[in-house]
PDB file of all heavy atoms in Angstrom:
ATOM      1  N   LYS A   1       7.968 -20.739 -15.174  1.00  0.00           N
ATOM      2  CA  LYS A   1       7.158 -21.888 -14.780  1.00  0.00           C
ATOM      3  C   LYS A   1       7.998 -22.957 -14.125  1.00  0.00           C
ATOM      4  O   LYS A   1       7.539 -23.668 -13.253  1.00  0.00           O
ATOM      5  CB  LYS A   1       6.445 -22.462 -16.019  1.00  0.00           C
ATOM      6  CG  LYS A   1       5.381 -21.563 -16.576  1.00  0.00           C
ATOM      7  CD  LYS A   1       4.739 -22.238 -17.770  1.00  0.00           C
ATOM      8  CE  LYS A   1       3.706 -21.324 -18.431  1.00  0.00           C
ATOM      9  NZ  LYS A   1       3.103 -21.943 -19.599  1.00  0.00           N
ATOM     10  N   ILE A   2       9.260 -23.039 -14.569  1.00  0.00           N
ATOM     11  CA  ILE A   2      10.114 -24.117 -14.063  1.00  0.00           C
ATOM     12  C   ILE A   2      11.041 -23.637 -12.965  1.00  0.00           C
ATOM     13  O   ILE A   2      11.228 -24.289 -11.957  1.00  0.00           O
ATOM     14  CB  ILE A   2      10.928 -24.718 -15.228  1.00  0.00           C
ATOM     15  CG1 ILE A   2       9.964 -25.287 -16.247  1.00  0.00           C
ATOM     16  CG2 ILE A   2      11.907 -25.749 -14.744  1.00  0.00           C
ATOM     17  CD1 ILE A   2      10.622 -25.693 -17.530  1.00  0.00           C
ATOM     18  N   LEU A   3      11.610 -22.445 -13.150  1.00  0.00           N
ATOM     19  CA  LEU A   3      12.680 -22.006 -12.259  1.00  0.00           C
ATOM     20  C   LEU A   3      12.205 -21.078 -11.123  1.00  0.00           C
ATOM     21  O   LEU A   3      12.782 -21.066 -10.061  1.00  0.00           O
ATOM     22  CB  LEU A   3      13.752 -21.280 -13.070  1.00  0.00           C
ATOM     23  CG  LEU A   3      14.435 -22.127 -14.144  1.00  0.00           C
ATOM     24  CD1 LEU A   3      15.398 -21.268 -14.947  1.00  0.00           C
ATOM     25  CD2 LEU A   3      15.166 -23.295 -13.504  1.00  0.00           C
ATOM     26  N   GLN A   4      11.165 -20.246 -11.386  1.00  0.00           N
ATOM     27  CA  GLN A   4      10.772 -19.255 -10.404  1.00  0.00           C
ATOM     28  C   GLN A   4      10.004 -19.891  -9.261  1.00  0.00           C
ATOM     29  O   GLN A   4       9.102 -20.685  -9.482  1.00  0.00           O
ATOM     30  CB  GLN A   4       9.922 -18.169 -11.068  1.00  0.00           C
ATOM     31  CG  GLN A   4       9.758 -16.946 -10.160  1.00  0.00           C
ATOM     32  CD  GLN A   4       9.173 -15.790 -10.938  1.00  0.00           C
ATOM     33  OE1 GLN A   4       8.923 -15.904 -12.123  1.00  0.00           O
ATOM     34  NE2 GLN A   4       8.974 -14.685 -10.272  1.00  0.00           N
ATOM     35  N   LEU A   5      10.363 -19.553  -8.043  1.00  0.00           N
ATOM     36  CA  LEU A   5       9.723 -20.079  -6.843  1.00  0.00           C
ATOM     37  C   LEU A   5       8.798 -19.003  -6.234  1.00  0.00           C
ATOM     38  O   LEU A   5       9.100 -17.794  -6.351  1.00  0.00           O
ATOM     39  CB  LEU A   5      10.756 -20.490  -5.805  1.00  0.00           C
ATOM     40  CG  LEU A   5      11.694 -21.635  -6.239  1.00  0.00           C
ATOM     41  CD1 LEU A   5      12.757 -21.851  -5.177  1.00  0.00           C
ATOM     42  CD2 LEU A   5      10.901 -22.904  -6.452  1.00  0.00           C
ATOM     43  N   PRO A   6       7.739 -19.377  -5.601  1.00  0.00           N
ATOM     44  CA  PRO A   6       6.863 -18.375  -4.997  1.00  0.00           C
ATOM     45  C   PRO A   6       7.545 -17.673  -3.832  1.00  0.00           C
ATOM     46  O   PRO A   6       8.294 -18.299  -3.081  1.00  0.00           O
ATOM     47  CB  PRO A   6       5.675 -19.210  -4.502  1.00  0.00           C
ATOM     48  CG  PRO A   6       6.199 -20.588  -4.385  1.00  0.00           C
ATOM     49  CD  PRO A   6       7.247 -20.736  -5.415  1.00  0.00           C
ATOM     50  N   GLU A   7       7.303 -16.367  -3.720  1.00  0.00           N
ATOM     51  CA  GLU A   7       7.934 -15.588  -2.656  1.00  0.00           C
ATOM     52  C   GLU A   7       6.981 -15.471  -1.456  1.00  0.00           C
ATOM     53  O   GLU A   7       5.800 -15.174  -1.635  1.00  0.00           O
ATOM     54  CB  GLU A   7       8.249 -14.172  -3.146  1.00  0.00           C
ATOM     55  CG  GLU A   7       9.260 -14.158  -4.286  1.00  0.00           C
ATOM     56  CD  GLU A   7       9.526 -12.732  -4.750  1.00  0.00           C
ATOM     57  OE1 GLU A   7       9.067 -11.794  -4.036  1.00  0.00           O
ATOM     58  OE2 GLU A   7      10.159 -12.561  -5.787  1.00  0.00           O
ATOM     59  N   PRO A   8       7.475 -15.710  -0.248  1.00  0.00           N
ATOM     60  CA  PRO A   8       6.619 -15.522   0.944  1.00  0.00           C
ATOM     61  C   PRO A   8       6.372 -14.026   1.198  1.00  0.00           C
ATOM     62  O   PRO A   8       7.237 -13.190   0.908  1.00  0.00           O
ATOM     63  CB  PRO A   8       7.458 -16.142   2.071  1.00  0.00           C
ATOM     64  CG  PRO A   8       8.874 -16.053   1.576  1.00  0.00           C
ATOM     65  CD  PRO A   8       8.820 -16.162   0.109  1.00  0.00           C
ATOM     66  N   TYR A   9       5.194 -13.709   1.717  1.00  0.00           N
ATOM     67  CA  TYR A   9       4.873 -12.312   1.973  1.00  0.00           C
ATOM     68  C   TYR A   9       5.518 -11.866   3.294  1.00  0.00           C
ATOM     69  O   TYR A   9       5.354 -12.533   4.305  1.00  0.00           O
ATOM     70  CB  TYR A   9       3.356 -12.114   2.060  1.00  0.00           C
ATOM     71  CG  TYR A   9       2.961 -10.700   2.487  1.00  0.00           C
ATOM     72  CD1 TYR A   9       3.052  -9.660   1.561  1.00  0.00           C
ATOM     73  CD2 TYR A   9       2.557 -10.457   3.801  1.00  0.00           C
ATOM     74  CE1 TYR A   9       2.717  -8.365   1.951  1.00  0.00           C
ATOM     75  CE2 TYR A   9       2.224  -9.186   4.188  1.00  0.00           C
ATOM     76  CZ  TYR A   9       2.306  -8.137   3.261  1.00  0.00           C
ATOM     77  OH  TYR A   9       1.982  -6.879   3.655  1.00  0.00           O
ATOM     78  N   ILE A  10       6.324 -10.817   3.196  1.00  0.00           N
ATOM     79  CA  ILE A  10       6.962 -10.250   4.390  1.00  0.00           C
ATOM     80  C   ILE A  10       6.700  -8.755   4.427  1.00  0.00           C
ATOM     81  O   ILE A  10       6.971  -8.046   3.438  1.00  0.00           O
ATOM     82  CB  ILE A  10       8.484 -10.518   4.381  1.00  0.00           C
ATOM     83  CG1 ILE A  10       8.738 -12.035   4.411  1.00  0.00           C
ATOM     84  CG2 ILE A  10       9.159  -9.847   5.569  1.00  0.00           C
ATOM     85  CD1 ILE A  10      10.183 -12.414   4.259  1.00  0.00           C
ATOM     86  N   GLU A  11       6.176  -8.259   5.518  1.00  0.00           N
ATOM     87  CA  GLU A  11       5.841  -6.838   5.631  1.00  0.00           C
ATOM     88  C   GLU A  11       7.096  -6.015   5.778  1.00  0.00           C
ATOM     89  O   GLU A  11       7.949  -6.315   6.613  1.00  0.00           O
ATOM     90  CB  GLU A  11       4.952  -6.622   6.871  1.00  0.00           C
ATOM     91  CG  GLU A  11       4.363  -5.216   6.917  1.00  0.00           C
ATOM     92  CD  GLU A  11       3.443  -5.052   8.090  1.00  0.00           C
ATOM     93  OE1 GLU A  11       3.145  -6.074   8.744  1.00  0.00           O
ATOM     94  OE2 GLU A  11       3.032  -3.937   8.340  1.00  0.00           O
ATOM     95  N   LYS A  12       7.243  -4.988   4.943  1.00  0.00           N
ATOM     96  CA  LYS A  12       8.429  -4.149   4.971  1.00  0.00           C
ATOM     97  C   LYS A  12       8.214  -2.948   5.884  1.00  0.00           C
ATOM     98  O   LYS A  12       7.109  -2.391   5.927  1.00  0.00           O
ATOM     99  CB  LYS A  12       8.760  -3.649   3.555  1.00  0.00           C
ATOM    100  CG  LYS A  12       9.123  -4.772   2.583  1.00  0.00           C
ATOM    101  CD  LYS A  12       9.488  -4.222   1.242  1.00  0.00           C
ATOM    102  CE  LYS A  12       9.824  -5.350   0.283  1.00  0.00           C
ATOM    103  NZ  LYS A  12      10.181  -4.835  -1.042  1.00  0.00           N
ATOM    104  N   PRO A  13       9.263  -2.544   6.600  1.00  0.00           N
ATOM    105  CA  PRO A  13       9.119  -1.367   7.504  1.00  0.00           C
ATOM    106  C   PRO A  13       8.976  -0.071   6.708  1.00  0.00           C
ATOM    107  O   PRO A  13       9.408   0.002   5.543  1.00  0.00           O
ATOM    108  CB  PRO A  13      10.433  -1.398   8.293  1.00  0.00           C
ATOM    109  CG  PRO A  13      11.389  -2.098   7.410  1.00  0.00           C
ATOM    110  CD  PRO A  13      10.600  -3.114   6.654  1.00  0.00           C
ATOM    111  N   ILE A  14       8.402   0.900   7.348  1.00  0.00           N
ATOM    112  CA  ILE A  14       8.192   2.218   6.697  1.00  0.00           C
ATOM    113  C   ILE A  14       9.509   2.969   6.723  1.00  0.00           C
ATOM    114  O   ILE A  14      10.186   3.048   7.738  1.00  0.00           O
ATOM    115  CB  ILE A  14       7.112   3.050   7.433  1.00  0.00           C
ATOM    116  CG1 ILE A  14       5.798   2.261   7.409  1.00  0.00           C
ATOM    117  CG2 ILE A  14       6.963   4.411   6.828  1.00  0.00           C
ATOM    118  CD1 ILE A  14       4.742   2.874   8.271  1.00  0.00           C
ATOM    119  N   VAL A  15       9.883   3.521   5.571  1.00  0.00           N
ATOM    120  CA  VAL A  15      11.136   4.283   5.459  1.00  0.00           C
ATOM    121  C   VAL A  15      10.819   5.765   5.307  1.00  0.00           C
ATOM    122  O   VAL A  15       9.785   6.130   4.769  1.00  0.00           O
ATOM    123  CB  VAL A  15      11.968   3.785   4.261  1.00  0.00           C
ATOM    124  CG1 VAL A  15      12.460   2.382   4.510  1.00  0.00           C
ATOM    125  CG2 VAL A  15      11.173   3.836   2.974  1.00  0.00           C
ATOM    126  N   LYS A  16      11.712   6.637   5.770  1.00  0.00           N
ATOM    127  CA  LYS A  16      11.437   8.063   5.793  1.00  0.00           C
ATOM    128  C   LYS A  16      12.154   8.784   4.661  1.00  0.00           C
ATOM    129  O   LYS A  16      11.561   9.616   4.006  1.00  0.00           O
ATOM    130  CB  LYS A  16      11.901   8.642   7.131  1.00  0.00           C
ATOM    131  CG  LYS A  16      11.059   8.128   8.280  1.00  0.00           C
ATOM    132  CD  LYS A  16      11.503   8.725   9.595  1.00  0.00           C
ATOM    133  CE  LYS A  16      10.676   8.238  10.774  1.00  0.00           C
ATOM    134  NZ  LYS A  16      11.105   8.800  12.064  1.00  0.00           N
ATOM    135  N   THR A  17      13.430   8.538   4.457  1.00  0.00           N
ATOM    136  CA  THR A  17      14.186   9.240   3.441  1.00  0.00           C
ATOM    137  C   THR A  17      14.659   8.254   2.375  1.00  0.00           C
ATOM    138  O   THR A  17      14.814   7.070   2.648  1.00  0.00           O
ATOM    139  CB  THR A  17      15.422   9.952   4.034  1.00  0.00           C
ATOM    140  OG1 THR A  17      16.260   8.928   4.576  1.00  0.00           O
ATOM    141  CG2 THR A  17      15.004  10.897   5.143  1.00  0.00           C
ATOM    142  N   PRO A  18      14.928   8.765   1.144  1.00  0.00           N
ATOM    143  CA  PRO A  18      15.417   7.872   0.092  1.00  0.00           C
ATOM    144  C   PRO A  18      16.709   7.191   0.470  1.00  0.00           C
ATOM    145  O   PRO A  18      16.941   6.055   0.170  1.00  0.00           O
ATOM    146  CB  PRO A  18      15.616   8.799  -1.110  1.00  0.00           C
ATOM    147  CG  PRO A  18      14.716   9.952  -0.831  1.00  0.00           C
ATOM    148  CD  PRO A  18      14.663  10.138   0.624  1.00  0.00           C
ATOM    149  N   GLN A  19      17.610   7.985   1.202  1.00  0.00           N
ATOM    150  CA  GLN A  19      18.886   7.410   1.585  1.00  0.00           C
ATOM    151  C   GLN A  19      18.685   6.262   2.549  1.00  0.00           C
ATOM    152  O   GLN A  19      19.253   5.200   2.435  1.00  0.00           O
ATOM    153  CB  GLN A  19      19.757   8.495   2.198  1.00  0.00           C
ATOM    154  CG  GLN A  19      21.241   8.105   2.236  1.00  0.00           C
ATOM    155  CD  GLN A  19      22.111   9.272   2.642  1.00  0.00           C
ATOM    156  OE1 GLN A  19      21.652  10.202   3.292  1.00  0.00           O
ATOM    157  NE2 GLN A  19      23.352   9.227   2.275  1.00  0.00           N
ATOM    158  N   GLU A  20      17.841   6.507   3.595  1.00  0.00           N
ATOM    159  CA  GLU A  20      17.549   5.442   4.571  1.00  0.00           C
ATOM    160  C   GLU A  20      16.844   4.288   3.874  1.00  0.00           C
ATOM    161  O   GLU A  20      17.094   3.161   4.190  1.00  0.00           O
ATOM    162  CB  GLU A  20      16.652   6.009   5.679  1.00  0.00           C
ATOM    163  CG  GLU A  20      17.434   6.943   6.642  1.00  0.00           C
ATOM    164  CD  GLU A  20      16.498   7.513   7.678  1.00  0.00           C
ATOM    165  OE1 GLU A  20      15.282   7.251   7.609  1.00  0.00           O
ATOM    166  OE2 GLU A  20      16.978   8.227   8.542  1.00  0.00           O
ATOM    167  N   ASP A  21      15.976   4.618   2.940  1.00  0.00           N
ATOM    168  CA  ASP A  21      15.243   3.572   2.228  1.00  0.00           C
ATOM    169  C   ASP A  21      16.207   2.635   1.496  1.00  0.00           C
ATOM    170  O   ASP A  21      16.027   1.434   1.474  1.00  0.00           O
ATOM    171  CB  ASP A  21      14.306   4.229   1.209  1.00  0.00           C
ATOM    172  CG  ASP A  21      13.497   3.172   0.479  1.00  0.00           C
ATOM    173  OD1 ASP A  21      12.889   2.327   1.155  1.00  0.00           O
ATOM    174  OD2 ASP A  21      13.512   3.192  -0.762  1.00  0.00           O
ATOM    175  N   LYS A  22      17.309   3.184   0.982  1.00  0.00           N
ATOM    176  CA  LYS A  22      18.293   2.406   0.285  1.00  0.00           C
ATOM    177  C   LYS A  22      18.929   1.381   1.209  1.00  0.00           C
ATOM    178  O   LYS A  22      19.027   0.187   0.894  1.00  0.00           O
ATOM    179  CB  LYS A  22      19.353   3.341  -0.326  1.00  0.00           C
ATOM    180  CG  LYS A  22      20.460   2.601  -1.082  1.00  0.00           C
ATOM    181  CD  LYS A  22      21.471   3.579  -1.612  1.00  0.00           C
ATOM    182  CE  LYS A  22      22.594   2.834  -2.317  1.00  0.00           C
ATOM    183  NZ  LYS A  22      23.644   3.730  -2.807  1.00  0.00           N
ATOM    184  N   TYR A  23      19.353   1.819   2.403  1.00  0.00           N
ATOM    185  CA  TYR A  23      20.038   0.911   3.327  1.00  0.00           C
ATOM    186  C   TYR A  23      19.066  -0.085   3.937  1.00  0.00           C
ATOM    187  O   TYR A  23      19.378  -1.263   4.117  1.00  0.00           O
ATOM    188  CB  TYR A  23      20.739   1.700   4.432  1.00  0.00           C
ATOM    189  CG  TYR A  23      21.948   2.466   3.907  1.00  0.00           C
ATOM    190  CD1 TYR A  23      21.925   3.840   3.842  1.00  0.00           C
ATOM    191  CD2 TYR A  23      23.062   1.770   3.455  1.00  0.00           C
ATOM    192  CE1 TYR A  23      23.030   4.526   3.366  1.00  0.00           C
ATOM    193  CE2 TYR A  23      24.169   2.443   2.975  1.00  0.00           C
ATOM    194  CZ  TYR A  23      24.145   3.840   2.948  1.00  0.00           C
ATOM    195  OH  TYR A  23      25.220   4.482   2.459  1.00  0.00           O
ATOM    196  N   HIS A  24      17.824   0.408   4.247  1.00  0.00           N
ATOM    197  CA  HIS A  24      16.839  -0.483   4.820  1.00  0.00           C
ATOM    198  C   HIS A  24      16.422  -1.553   3.808  1.00  0.00           C
ATOM    199  O   HIS A  24      16.179  -2.689   4.187  1.00  0.00           O
ATOM    200  CB  HIS A  24      15.595   0.299   5.262  1.00  0.00           C
ATOM    201  CG  HIS A  24      15.811   0.960   6.594  1.00  0.00           C
ATOM    202  ND1 HIS A  24      15.827   0.250   7.761  1.00  0.00           N
ATOM    203  CD2 HIS A  24      15.993   2.270   6.928  1.00  0.00           C
ATOM    204  CE1 HIS A  24      16.024   1.089   8.781  1.00  0.00           C
ATOM    205  NE2 HIS A  24      16.142   2.306   8.277  1.00  0.00           N
ATOM    206  N   PHE A  25      16.410  -1.172   2.555  1.00  0.00           N
ATOM    207  CA  PHE A  25      16.041  -2.149   1.500  1.00  0.00           C
ATOM    208  C   PHE A  25      17.064  -3.297   1.450  1.00  0.00           C
ATOM    209  O   PHE A  25      16.704  -4.441   1.355  1.00  0.00           O
ATOM    210  CB  PHE A  25      16.008  -1.404   0.130  1.00  0.00           C
ATOM    211  CG  PHE A  25      15.747  -2.299  -1.022  1.00  0.00           C
ATOM    212  CD1 PHE A  25      14.453  -2.782  -1.255  1.00  0.00           C
ATOM    213  CD2 PHE A  25      16.791  -2.733  -1.837  1.00  0.00           C
ATOM    214  CE1 PHE A  25      14.209  -3.632  -2.322  1.00  0.00           C
ATOM    215  CE2 PHE A  25      16.555  -3.586  -2.875  1.00  0.00           C
ATOM    216  CZ  PHE A  25      15.253  -4.022  -3.126  1.00  0.00           C
ATOM    217  N   ALA A  26      18.345  -2.937   1.566  1.00  0.00           N
ATOM    218  CA  ALA A  26      19.392  -3.969   1.567  1.00  0.00           C
ATOM    219  C   ALA A  26      19.239  -4.900   2.761  1.00  0.00           C
ATOM    220  O   ALA A  26      19.383  -6.102   2.638  1.00  0.00           O
ATOM    221  CB  ALA A  26      20.793  -3.304   1.593  1.00  0.00           C
ATOM    222  N   GLU A  27      18.948  -4.341   3.940  1.00  0.00           N
ATOM    223  CA  GLU A  27      18.771  -5.174   5.129  1.00  0.00           C
ATOM    224  C   GLU A  27      17.555  -6.096   4.969  1.00  0.00           C
ATOM    225  O   GLU A  27      17.617  -7.255   5.335  1.00  0.00           O
ATOM    226  CB  GLU A  27      18.573  -4.282   6.346  1.00  0.00           C
ATOM    227  CG  GLU A  27      19.855  -3.566   6.780  1.00  0.00           C
ATOM    228  CD  GLU A  27      19.615  -2.616   7.946  1.00  0.00           C
ATOM    229  OE1 GLU A  27      18.476  -2.589   8.442  1.00  0.00           O
ATOM    230  OE2 GLU A  27      20.557  -1.915   8.301  1.00  0.00           O
ATOM    231  N   GLU A  28      16.487  -5.556   4.386  1.00  0.00           N
ATOM    232  CA  GLU A  28      15.279  -6.351   4.267  1.00  0.00           C
ATOM    233  C   GLU A  28      15.476  -7.538   3.296  1.00  0.00           C
ATOM    234  O   GLU A  28      14.930  -8.588   3.496  1.00  0.00           O
ATOM    235  CB  GLU A  28      14.114  -5.487   3.770  1.00  0.00           C
ATOM    236  CG  GLU A  28      13.535  -4.604   4.862  1.00  0.00           C
ATOM    237  CD  GLU A  28      13.094  -5.417   6.039  1.00  0.00           C
ATOM    238  OE1 GLU A  28      12.423  -6.442   5.841  1.00  0.00           O
ATOM    239  OE2 GLU A  28      13.418  -5.055   7.175  1.00  0.00           O
ATOM    240  N   ILE A  29      16.304  -7.353   2.255  1.00  0.00           N
ATOM    241  CA  ILE A  29      16.581  -8.428   1.305  1.00  0.00           C
ATOM    242  C   ILE A  29      17.276  -9.577   2.035  1.00  0.00           C
ATOM    243  O   ILE A  29      16.973 -10.745   1.869  1.00  0.00           O
ATOM    244  CB  ILE A  29      17.444  -7.928   0.139  1.00  0.00           C
ATOM    245  CG1 ILE A  29      16.639  -7.000  -0.771  1.00  0.00           C
ATOM    246  CG2 ILE A  29      17.980  -9.113  -0.683  1.00  0.00           C
ATOM    247  CD1 ILE A  29      15.477  -7.675  -1.441  1.00  0.00           C
ATOM    248  N   GLU A  30      18.227  -9.218   2.903  1.00  0.00           N
ATOM    249  CA  GLU A  30      18.959 -10.227   3.669  1.00  0.00           C
ATOM    250  C   GLU A  30      18.022 -11.018   4.553  1.00  0.00           C
ATOM    251  O   GLU A  30      18.050 -12.235   4.643  1.00  0.00           O
ATOM    252  CB  GLU A  30      20.037  -9.517   4.514  1.00  0.00           C
ATOM    253  CG  GLU A  30      21.044 -10.446   5.147  1.00  0.00           C
ATOM    254  CD  GLU A  30      22.002 -11.015   4.144  1.00  0.00           C
ATOM    255  OE1 GLU A  30      22.256 -10.346   3.123  1.00  0.00           O
ATOM    256  OE2 GLU A  30      22.480 -12.141   4.378  1.00  0.00           O
ATOM    257  N   GLU A  31      17.133 -10.284   5.259  1.00  0.00           N
ATOM    258  CA  GLU A  31      16.183 -10.905   6.169  1.00  0.00           C
ATOM    259  C   GLU A  31      15.184 -11.773   5.382  1.00  0.00           C
ATOM    260  O   GLU A  31      14.845 -12.872   5.792  1.00  0.00           O
ATOM    261  CB  GLU A  31      15.448  -9.827   6.951  1.00  0.00           C
ATOM    262  CG  GLU A  31      14.483 -10.391   8.006  1.00  0.00           C
ATOM    263  CD  GLU A  31      13.761  -9.304   8.760  1.00  0.00           C
ATOM    264  OE1 GLU A  31      14.104  -8.125   8.560  1.00  0.00           O
ATOM    265  OE2 GLU A  31      12.848  -9.627   9.501  1.00  0.00           O
ATOM    266  N   GLU A  32      14.771 -11.282   4.205  1.00  0.00           N
ATOM    267  CA  GLU A  32      13.799 -11.998   3.415  1.00  0.00           C
ATOM    268  C   GLU A  32      14.392 -13.333   2.918  1.00  0.00           C
ATOM    269  O   GLU A  32      13.728 -14.357   2.925  1.00  0.00           O
ATOM    270  CB  GLU A  32      13.410 -11.130   2.213  1.00  0.00           C
ATOM    271  CG  GLU A  32      12.342 -11.789   1.335  1.00  0.00           C
ATOM    272  CD  GLU A  32      11.938 -10.869   0.227  1.00  0.00           C
ATOM    273  OE1 GLU A  32      11.945  -9.654   0.460  1.00  0.00           O
ATOM    274  OE2 GLU A  32      11.632 -11.350  -0.855  1.00  0.00           O
ATOM    275  N   GLU A  33      15.710 -13.308   2.538  1.00  0.00           N
ATOM    276  CA  GLU A  33      16.353 -14.536   2.098  1.00  0.00           C
ATOM    277  C   GLU A  33      16.398 -15.562   3.216  1.00  0.00           C
ATOM    278  O   GLU A  33      16.093 -16.725   3.017  1.00  0.00           O
ATOM    279  CB  GLU A  33      17.791 -14.213   1.639  1.00  0.00           C
ATOM    280  CG  GLU A  33      17.837 -13.466   0.316  1.00  0.00           C
ATOM    281  CD  GLU A  33      19.235 -13.001   0.006  1.00  0.00           C
ATOM    282  OE1 GLU A  33      20.152 -13.407   0.744  1.00  0.00           O
ATOM    283  OE2 GLU A  33      19.415 -12.271  -0.959  1.00  0.00           O
ATOM    284  N   THR A  34      16.762 -15.109   4.423  1.00  0.00           N
ATOM    285  CA  THR A  34      16.873 -16.040   5.559  1.00  0.00           C
ATOM    286  C   THR A  34      15.519 -16.651   5.880  1.00  0.00           C
ATOM    287  O   THR A  34      15.379 -17.861   6.056  1.00  0.00           O
ATOM    288  CB  THR A  34      17.411 -15.289   6.789  1.00  0.00           C
ATOM    289  OG1 THR A  34      18.617 -14.643   6.429  1.00  0.00           O
ATOM    290  CG2 THR A  34      17.660 -16.260   7.938  1.00  0.00           C
ATOM    291  N   LEU A  35      14.480 -15.794   5.944  1.00  0.00           N
ATOM    292  CA  LEU A  35      13.154 -16.287   6.257  1.00  0.00           C
ATOM    293  C   LEU A  35      12.638 -17.219   5.157  1.00  0.00           C
ATOM    294  O   LEU A  35      12.011 -18.252   5.456  1.00  0.00           O
ATOM    295  CB  LEU A  35      12.190 -15.112   6.432  1.00  0.00           C
ATOM    296  CG  LEU A  35      12.376 -14.276   7.712  1.00  0.00           C
ATOM    297  CD1 LEU A  35      11.529 -13.041   7.660  1.00  0.00           C
ATOM    298  CD2 LEU A  35      12.058 -15.117   8.943  1.00  0.00           C
ATOM    299  N   SER A  36      12.905 -16.846   3.888  1.00  0.00           N
ATOM    300  CA  SER A  36      12.430 -17.648   2.794  1.00  0.00           C
ATOM    301  C   SER A  36      13.060 -19.064   2.822  1.00  0.00           C
ATOM    302  O   SER A  36      12.367 -20.049   2.694  1.00  0.00           O
ATOM    303  CB  SER A  36      12.771 -16.965   1.469  1.00  0.00           C
ATOM    304  OG  SER A  36      12.370 -17.760   0.417  1.00  0.00           O
ATOM    305  N   LEU A  37      14.345 -19.120   3.067  1.00  0.00           N
ATOM    306  CA  LEU A  37      15.038 -20.407   3.136  1.00  0.00           C
ATOM    307  C   LEU A  37      14.515 -21.240   4.281  1.00  0.00           C
ATOM    308  O   LEU A  37      14.262 -22.428   4.166  1.00  0.00           O
ATOM    309  CB  LEU A  37      16.543 -20.197   3.299  1.00  0.00           C
ATOM    310  CG  LEU A  37      17.320 -19.821   2.026  1.00  0.00           C
ATOM    311  CD1 LEU A  37      18.764 -19.446   2.405  1.00  0.00           C
ATOM    312  CD2 LEU A  37      17.317 -20.970   1.049  1.00  0.00           C
ATOM    313  N   GLN A  38      14.298 -20.589   5.419  1.00  0.00           N
ATOM    314  CA  GLN A  38      13.810 -21.305   6.619  1.00  0.00           C
ATOM    315  C   GLN A  38      12.403 -21.850   6.385  1.00  0.00           C
ATOM    316  O   GLN A  38      12.109 -23.013   6.686  1.00  0.00           O
ATOM    317  CB  GLN A  38      13.838 -20.357   7.830  1.00  0.00           C
ATOM    318  CG  GLN A  38      13.414 -21.031   9.125  1.00  0.00           C
ATOM    319  CD  GLN A  38      13.558 -20.097  10.307  1.00  0.00           C
ATOM    320  OE1 GLN A  38      14.605 -19.519  10.487  1.00  0.00           O
ATOM    321  NE2 GLN A  38      12.524 -19.937  11.095  1.00  0.00           N
ATOM    322  N   ASP A  39      11.556 -20.980   5.812  1.00  0.00           N
ATOM    323  CA  ASP A  39      10.170 -21.429   5.523  1.00  0.00           C
ATOM    324  C   ASP A  39      10.150 -22.569   4.547  1.00  0.00           C
ATOM    325  O   ASP A  39       9.368 -23.529   4.679  1.00  0.00           O
ATOM    326  CB  ASP A  39       9.357 -20.253   4.952  1.00  0.00           C
ATOM    327  CG  ASP A  39       9.084 -19.193   6.026  1.00  0.00           C
ATOM    328  OD1 ASP A  39       9.286 -19.514   7.213  1.00  0.00           O
ATOM    329  OD2 ASP A  39       8.669 -18.083   5.658  1.00  0.00           O
ATOM    330  N   LYS A  40      11.005 -22.466   3.536  1.00  0.00           N
ATOM    331  CA  LYS A  40      11.061 -23.540   2.541  1.00  0.00           C
ATOM    332  C   LYS A  40      11.501 -24.837   3.171  1.00  0.00           C
ATOM    333  O   LYS A  40      10.993 -25.916   2.857  1.00  0.00           O
ATOM    334  CB  LYS A  40      12.004 -23.160   1.387  1.00  0.00           C
ATOM    335  CG  LYS A  40      11.427 -22.158   0.417  1.00  0.00           C
ATOM    336  CD  LYS A  40      10.268 -22.787  -0.291  1.00  0.00           C
ATOM    337  CE  LYS A  40       9.494 -21.726  -1.073  1.00  0.00           C
ATOM    338  NZ  LYS A  40       8.267 -22.268  -1.621  1.00  0.00           N
ATOM    339  N   GLU A  41      12.496 -24.745   4.017  1.00  0.00           N
ATOM    340  CA  GLU A  41      13.021 -25.938   4.681  1.00  0.00           C
ATOM    341  C   GLU A  41      11.945 -26.587   5.562  1.00  0.00           C
ATOM    342  O   GLU A  41      11.749 -27.804   5.546  1.00  0.00           O
ATOM    343  CB  GLU A  41      14.240 -25.595   5.535  1.00  0.00           C
ATOM    344  CG  GLU A  41      14.965 -26.821   6.051  1.00  0.00           C
ATOM    345  CD  GLU A  41      16.264 -26.448   6.722  1.00  0.00           C
ATOM    346  OE1 GLU A  41      16.323 -25.408   7.403  1.00  0.00           O
ATOM    347  OE2 GLU A  41      17.230 -27.218   6.611  1.00  0.00           O
ATOM    348  N   ILE A  42      11.184 -25.753   6.311  1.00  0.00           N
ATOM    349  CA  ILE A  42      10.098 -26.269   7.179  1.00  0.00           C
ATOM    350  C   ILE A  42       9.035 -26.934   6.314  1.00  0.00           C
ATOM    351  O   ILE A  42       8.548 -28.021   6.629  1.00  0.00           O
ATOM    352  CB  ILE A  42       9.497 -25.121   8.016  1.00  0.00           C
ATOM    353  CG1 ILE A  42      10.522 -24.634   9.044  1.00  0.00           C
ATOM    354  CG2 ILE A  42       8.211 -25.574   8.727  1.00  0.00           C
ATOM    355  CD1 ILE A  42      10.139 -23.359   9.756  1.00  0.00           C
TER     356      ILE A  42
END
């Protein structure tokens, strides 16, 4: 209630293999952080 912030909805790309899904997941977290910070700042 005090610490958790609402997360903006970001559409994730479709992944084909578990291995690719692993690397794409890491990239998407980075992008999500950047967008989240920017949105919050705006």
